[in-house]
Amino acid sequence: MIPSRTVAFALCIALCTVICQPLLAGAAEKRDKAALKVTSAPGFAARSVQGAPISSDKLRGKAYIVNFFGSWCPVCRKELPDMVALQEKYEKKGFTFIGMAYKDNAQSLPDFIWEHSINYPVVVADQTIVTAFGRQISGGLRAVPALFAVNSEGKLLSVVVGAQSKAAFEELILNTLASGKKK
């Protein structure tokens, strides 16, 4: 039989670990963001599912968020209405989302884009693109959603893995737009 003190101590350690983990993650995220402010965003060139060429060179001068998603991902699907609304709101201010379909069926994407009224370019992410952006994440890109916020000067400002609320997306957009302004 395990003494009750041992059980209580183990529970205390487990509880502290659960409570402190978000605090530790937040500290790590702040360090990562600080380090990213001087990093150039990964370069890429592709043709969107909608048929237009898209590249980091063509996006120079524009703030953007590269959002890796999967049409098969319930969390990614839940974010889409917010992204569509924010694209509409900030497009005239020099911002765009770039959707990167990760491990997705290219043939079904046009219907998916239409069904969800996606109003920004969507690219089928090939291994070159996945590798280039994956270098910015410890262990590489292995989960979606994952986003990369880039200012108008081509600097990578934030890398975020996991679902975002509309407010979190909007904060990233505003920070990205503000960061690229000449002073």
C-alpha atoms as a PDB file:
ATOM      1  CA  MET A   1       0.000   0.000   0.000  1.00  0.00           C
ATOM      2  CA  ILE A   2       1.292   3.475  -0.918  1.00  0.00           C
ATOM      3  CA  PRO A   3       1.361   5.978   1.973  1.00  0.00           C
ATOM      4  CA  SER A   4      -1.138   8.842   1.577  1.00  0.00           C
ATOM      5  CA  ARG A   5       1.686  11.421   1.793  1.00  0.00           C
ATOM      6  CA  THR A   6       3.327   9.895  -1.270  1.00  0.00           C
ATOM      7  CA  VAL A   7       0.056  10.051  -3.205  1.00  0.00           C
ATOM      8  CA  ALA A   8      -0.556  13.642  -2.083  1.00  0.00           C
ATOM      9  CA  PHE A   9       2.988  14.640  -3.075  1.00  0.00           C
ATOM     10  CA  ALA A  10       2.625  13.015  -6.498  1.00  0.00           C
ATOM     11  CA  LEU A  11      -0.707  14.754  -7.051  1.00  0.00           C
ATOM     12  CA  CYS A  12       0.812  18.084  -6.013  1.00  0.00           C
ATOM     13  CA  ILE A  13       3.694  17.652  -8.489  1.00  0.00           C
ATOM     14  CA  ALA A  14       1.270  16.680 -11.269  1.00  0.00           C
ATOM     15  CA  LEU A  15      -0.988  19.665 -10.532  1.00  0.00           C
ATOM     16  CA  CYS A  16       1.956  22.086 -10.484  1.00  0.00           C
ATOM     17  CA  THR A  17       3.169  20.684 -13.796  1.00  0.00           C
ATOM     18  CA  VAL A  18      -0.243  21.175 -15.396  1.00  0.00           C
ATOM     19  CA  ILE A  19      -0.666  24.695 -14.002  1.00  0.00           C
ATOM     20  CA  CYS A  20       2.861  25.867 -14.804  1.00  0.00           C
ATOM     21  CA  GLN A  21       3.089  24.373 -18.296  1.00  0.00           C
ATOM     22  CA  PRO A  22       1.176  27.223 -20.008  1.00  0.00           C
ATOM     23  CA  LEU A  23       3.328  29.753 -18.171  1.00  0.00           C
ATOM     24  CA  LEU A  24       6.500  28.025 -19.322  1.00  0.00           C
ATOM     25  CA  ALA A  25       5.152  27.718 -22.863  1.00  0.00           C
ATOM     26  CA  GLY A  26       4.306  31.437 -22.888  1.00  0.00           C
ATOM     27  CA  ALA A  27       7.843  32.309 -21.820  1.00  0.00           C
ATOM     28  CA  ALA A  28       9.268  30.115 -24.565  1.00  0.00           C
ATOM     29  CA  GLU A  29       6.912  31.661 -27.126  1.00  0.00           C
ATOM     30  CA  LYS A  30       8.029  35.168 -26.137  1.00  0.00           C
ATOM     31  CA  ARG A  31      11.675  34.155 -26.550  1.00  0.00           C
ATOM     32  CA  ASP A  32      10.902  32.618 -29.951  1.00  0.00           C
ATOM     33  CA  LYS A  33       9.084  35.750 -31.110  1.00  0.00           C
ATOM     34  CA  ALA A  34      11.985  37.943 -30.018  1.00  0.00           C
ATOM     35  CA  ALA A  35      14.434  35.757 -31.929  1.00  0.00           C
ATOM     36  CA  LEU A  36      12.197  35.746 -35.013  1.00  0.00           C
ATOM     37  CA  LYS A  37      12.101  39.537 -35.403  1.00  0.00           C
ATOM     38  CA  VAL A  38      15.374  39.500 -37.333  1.00  0.00           C
ATOM     39  CA  THR A  39      14.660  36.350 -39.336  1.00  0.00           C
ATOM     40  CA  SER A  40      13.666  36.460 -42.968  1.00  0.00           C
ATOM     41  CA  ALA A  41      10.580  34.454 -43.825  1.00  0.00           C
ATOM     42  CA  PRO A  42      11.098  31.274 -45.843  1.00  0.00           C
ATOM     43  CA  GLY A  43      10.916  31.856 -49.559  1.00  0.00           C
ATOM     44  CA  PHE A  44       8.417  29.954 -51.678  1.00  0.00           C
ATOM     45  CA  ALA A  45       6.928  29.944 -55.155  1.00  0.00           C
ATOM     46  CA  ALA A  46       3.888  27.981 -56.278  1.00  0.00           C
ATOM     47  CA  ARG A  47       0.662  28.154 -58.224  1.00  0.00           C
ATOM     48  CA  SER A  48      -2.484  28.586 -56.156  1.00  0.00           C
ATOM     49  CA  VAL A  49      -5.360  26.163 -56.473  1.00  0.00           C
ATOM     50  CA  GLN A  50      -7.251  29.124 -57.933  1.00  0.00           C
ATOM     51  CA  GLY A  51      -4.647  29.209 -60.769  1.00  0.00           C
ATOM     52  CA  ALA A  52      -2.559  32.299 -59.978  1.00  0.00           C
ATOM     53  CA  PRO A  53       1.195  32.241 -59.345  1.00  0.00           C
ATOM     54  CA  ILE A  54       2.079  33.140 -55.756  1.00  0.00           C
ATOM     55  CA  SER A  55       5.494  33.629 -54.214  1.00  0.00           C
ATOM     56  CA  SER A  56       7.254  35.318 -51.355  1.00  0.00           C
ATOM     57  CA  ASP A  57       8.824  37.664 -53.945  1.00  0.00           C
ATOM     58  CA  LYS A  58       5.387  38.694 -55.253  1.00  0.00           C
ATOM     59  CA  LEU A  59       4.249  39.289 -51.669  1.00  0.00           C
ATOM     60  CA  ARG A  60       7.123  41.699 -50.913  1.00  0.00           C
ATOM     61  CA  GLY A  61       5.599  44.917 -49.602  1.00  0.00           C
ATOM     62  CA  LYS A  62       2.532  43.113 -48.253  1.00  0.00           C
ATOM     63  CA  ALA A  63       1.939  41.681 -44.764  1.00  0.00           C
ATOM     64  CA  TYR A  64       0.726  38.095 -44.787  1.00  0.00           C
ATOM     65  CA  ILE A  65       0.078  35.016 -42.726  1.00  0.00           C
ATOM     66  CA  VAL A  66       0.942  31.636 -44.189  1.00  0.00           C
ATOM     67  CA  ASN A  67      -1.548  29.240 -42.644  1.00  0.00           C
ATOM     68  CA  PHE A  68      -0.894  25.512 -42.960  1.00  0.00           C
ATOM     69  CA  PHE A  69      -4.213  23.688 -42.706  1.00  0.00           C
ATOM     70  CA  GLY A  70      -5.937  20.496 -43.767  1.00  0.00           C
ATOM     71  CA  SER A  71      -9.407  20.259 -45.265  1.00  0.00           C
ATOM     72  CA  TRP A  72      -9.614  17.072 -43.182  1.00  0.00           C
ATOM     73  CA  CYS A  73      -8.813  18.975 -39.942  1.00  0.00           C
ATOM     74  CA  PRO A  74     -11.897  19.920 -37.832  1.00  0.00           C
ATOM     75  CA  VAL A  75      -9.994  22.668 -35.988  1.00  0.00           C
ATOM     76  CA  CYS A  76      -8.795  24.151 -39.288  1.00  0.00           C
ATOM     77  CA  ARG A  77     -12.346  24.128 -40.646  1.00  0.00           C
ATOM     78  CA  LYS A  78     -13.560  25.953 -37.540  1.00  0.00           C
ATOM     79  CA  GLU A  79     -11.037  28.792 -38.108  1.00  0.00           C
ATOM     80  CA  LEU A  80     -12.032  29.385 -41.747  1.00  0.00           C
ATOM     81  CA  PRO A  81     -14.999  31.762 -41.237  1.00  0.00           C
ATOM     82  CA  ASP A  82     -12.836  34.041 -39.062  1.00  0.00           C
ATOM     83  CA  MET A  83     -10.012  34.026 -41.595  1.00  0.00           C
ATOM     84  CA  VAL A  84     -12.408  34.790 -44.462  1.00  0.00           C
ATOM     85  CA  ALA A  85     -13.918  37.722 -42.509  1.00  0.00           C
ATOM     86  CA  LEU A  86     -10.487  39.078 -41.540  1.00  0.00           C
ATOM     87  CA  GLN A  87      -9.199  38.736 -45.113  1.00  0.00           C
ATOM     88  CA  GLU A  88     -12.118  40.870 -46.262  1.00  0.00           C
ATOM     89  CA  LYS A  89     -11.514  43.420 -43.496  1.00  0.00           C
ATOM     90  CA  TYR A  90      -7.726  43.822 -43.933  1.00  0.00           C
ATOM     91  CA  GLU A  91      -7.059  43.093 -47.613  1.00  0.00           C
ATOM     92  CA  LYS A  92      -7.294  46.782 -48.582  1.00  0.00           C
ATOM     93  CA  LYS A  93      -4.804  47.623 -45.819  1.00  0.00           C
ATOM     94  CA  GLY A  94      -2.071  45.495 -47.424  1.00  0.00           C
ATOM     95  CA  PHE A  95      -2.671  42.112 -45.775  1.00  0.00           C
ATOM     96  CA  THR A  96      -3.491  38.620 -47.027  1.00  0.00           C
ATOM     97  CA  PHE A  97      -3.709  35.094 -45.770  1.00  0.00           C
ATOM     98  CA  ILE A  98      -1.979  32.391 -47.802  1.00  0.00           C
ATOM     99  CA  GLY A  99      -3.533  28.992 -47.204  1.00  0.00           C
ATOM    100  CA  MET A 100      -1.116  26.055 -47.427  1.00  0.00           C
ATOM    101  CA  ALA A 101      -3.021  22.787 -47.772  1.00  0.00           C
ATOM    102  CA  TYR A 102      -0.998  20.201 -45.849  1.00  0.00           C
ATOM    103  CA  LYS A 103      -1.246  16.508 -46.747  1.00  0.00           C
ATOM    104  CA  ASP A 104      -4.424  17.240 -48.655  1.00  0.00           C
ATOM    105  CA  ASN A 105      -6.207  15.995 -51.754  1.00  0.00           C
ATOM    106  CA  ALA A 106      -5.496  18.559 -54.502  1.00  0.00           C
ATOM    107  CA  GLN A 107      -8.468  17.368 -56.575  1.00  0.00           C
ATOM    108  CA  SER A 108     -11.001  18.121 -53.840  1.00  0.00           C
ATOM    109  CA  LEU A 109      -9.588  21.517 -52.850  1.00  0.00           C
ATOM    110  CA  PRO A 110     -11.434  23.639 -55.458  1.00  0.00           C
ATOM    111  CA  ASP A 111     -14.761  22.394 -54.074  1.00  0.00           C
ATOM    112  CA  PHE A 112     -13.540  22.912 -50.503  1.00  0.00           C
ATOM    113  CA  ILE A 113     -12.494  26.506 -51.315  1.00  0.00           C
ATOM    114  CA  TRP A 114     -15.874  27.199 -52.907  1.00  0.00           C
ATOM    115  CA  GLU A 115     -17.863  25.573 -50.066  1.00  0.00           C
ATOM    116  CA  HIS A 116     -16.064  27.678 -47.452  1.00  0.00           C
ATOM    117  CA  SER A 117     -15.997  30.908 -49.508  1.00  0.00           C
ATOM    118  CA  ILE A 118     -12.228  31.161 -49.099  1.00  0.00           C
ATOM    119  CA  ASN A 119     -11.210  34.567 -50.451  1.00  0.00           C
ATOM    120  CA  TYR A 120      -7.426  34.278 -50.313  1.00  0.00           C
ATOM    121  CA  PRO A 121      -4.908  32.171 -52.252  1.00  0.00           C
ATOM    122  CA  VAL A 122      -4.617  28.490 -51.360  1.00  0.00           C
ATOM    123  CA  VAL A 123      -1.583  26.426 -52.346  1.00  0.00           C
ATOM    124  CA  VAL A 124      -1.042  22.694 -52.090  1.00  0.00           C
ATOM    125  CA  ALA A 125       2.081  22.614 -49.912  1.00  0.00           C
ATOM    126  CA  ASP A 126       4.727  20.418 -51.488  1.00  0.00           C
ATOM    127  CA  GLN A 127       7.629  18.944 -49.536  1.00  0.00           C
ATOM    128  CA  THR A 128       9.911  21.884 -50.396  1.00  0.00           C
ATOM    129  CA  ILE A 129       7.471  24.359 -48.861  1.00  0.00           C
ATOM    130  CA  VAL A 130       6.786  22.140 -45.833  1.00  0.00           C
ATOM    131  CA  THR A 131      10.521  21.751 -45.212  1.00  0.00           C
ATOM    132  CA  ALA A 132      11.255  25.475 -45.620  1.00  0.00           C
ATOM    133  CA  PHE A 133       8.605  26.530 -43.116  1.00  0.00           C
ATOM    134  CA  GLY A 134       9.150  23.478 -40.918  1.00  0.00           C
ATOM    135  CA  ARG A 135      12.684  24.674 -40.160  1.00  0.00           C
ATOM    136  CA  GLN A 136      11.099  27.415 -38.069  1.00  0.00           C
ATOM    137  CA  ILE A 137       9.476  24.882 -35.713  1.00  0.00           C
ATOM    138  CA  SER A 138      11.376  22.623 -33.366  1.00  0.00           C
ATOM    139  CA  GLY A 139      10.918  19.122 -34.798  1.00  0.00           C
ATOM    140  CA  GLY A 140       9.532  20.451 -38.087  1.00  0.00           C
ATOM    141  CA  LEU A 141       6.006  20.944 -39.318  1.00  0.00           C
ATOM    142  CA  ARG A 142       4.045  17.922 -38.140  1.00  0.00           C
ATOM    143  CA  ALA A 143       0.665  19.321 -37.122  1.00  0.00           C
ATOM    144  CA  VAL A 144      -1.929  21.763 -38.352  1.00  0.00           C
ATOM    145  CA  PRO A 145      -3.023  24.425 -37.999  1.00  0.00           C
ATOM    146  CA  ALA A 146       0.313  26.216 -38.005  1.00  0.00           C
ATOM    147  CA  LEU A 147       0.800  29.810 -39.025  1.00  0.00           C
ATOM    148  CA  PHE A 148       3.691  32.065 -39.927  1.00  0.00           C
ATOM    149  CA  ALA A 149       3.156  35.846 -39.711  1.00  0.00           C
ATOM    150  CA  VAL A 150       5.327  37.876 -42.101  1.00  0.00           C
ATOM    151  CA  ASN A 151       5.549  41.656 -42.293  1.00  0.00           C
ATOM    152  CA  SER A 152       5.775  43.747 -45.471  1.00  0.00           C
ATOM    153  CA  GLU A 153       9.577  43.660 -45.299  1.00  0.00           C
ATOM    154  CA  GLY A 154       9.603  39.857 -45.467  1.00  0.00           C
ATOM    155  CA  LYS A 155      10.532  39.364 -41.803  1.00  0.00           C
ATOM    156  CA  LEU A 156       9.067  36.403 -39.945  1.00  0.00           C
ATOM    157  CA  LEU A 157       7.475  37.811 -36.795  1.00  0.00           C
ATOM    158  CA  SER A 158       5.533  34.919 -35.297  1.00  0.00           C
ATOM    159  CA  VAL A 159       5.186  31.184 -35.592  1.00  0.00           C
ATOM    160  CA  VAL A 160       2.122  29.729 -33.898  1.00  0.00           C
ATOM    161  CA  VAL A 161       1.047  26.094 -33.850  1.00  0.00           C
ATOM    162  CA  GLY A 162      -2.524  25.396 -32.832  1.00  0.00           C
ATOM    163  CA  ALA A 163      -5.975  26.859 -33.202  1.00  0.00           C
ATOM    164  CA  GLN A 164      -6.500  30.610 -33.057  1.00  0.00           C
ATOM    165  CA  SER A 165      -9.521  32.670 -32.109  1.00  0.00           C
ATOM    166  CA  LYS A 166     -10.671  35.526 -34.314  1.00  0.00           C
ATOM    167  CA  ALA A 167      -9.257  37.988 -31.759  1.00  0.00           C
ATOM    168  CA  ALA A 168      -5.863  36.222 -31.805  1.00  0.00           C
ATOM    169  CA  PHE A 169      -5.790  36.281 -35.615  1.00  0.00           C
ATOM    170  CA  GLU A 170      -6.691  39.963 -35.632  1.00  0.00           C
ATOM    171  CA  GLU A 171      -3.965  40.789 -33.114  1.00  0.00           C
ATOM    172  CA  LEU A 172      -1.408  38.958 -35.273  1.00  0.00           C
ATOM    173  CA  ILE A 173      -2.626  40.804 -38.376  1.00  0.00           C
ATOM    174  CA  LEU A 174      -2.414  44.206 -36.684  1.00  0.00           C
ATOM    175  CA  ASN A 175       1.060  43.482 -35.287  1.00  0.00           C
ATOM    176  CA  THR A 176       2.215  42.258 -38.692  1.00  0.00           C
ATOM    177  CA  LEU A 177       0.848  45.343 -40.468  1.00  0.00           C
ATOM    178  CA  ALA A 178       2.355  47.709 -37.869  1.00  0.00           C
ATOM    179  CA  SER A 179       5.746  46.007 -37.879  1.00  0.00           C
ATOM    180  CA  GLY A 180       6.355  46.576 -41.560  1.00  0.00           C
ATOM    181  CA  LYS A 181       5.648  50.300 -41.567  1.00  0.00           C
ATOM    182  CA  LYS A 182       8.605  52.530 -42.250  1.00  0.00           C
ATOM    183  CA  LYS A 183       9.453  54.853 -39.401  1.00  0.00           C
END
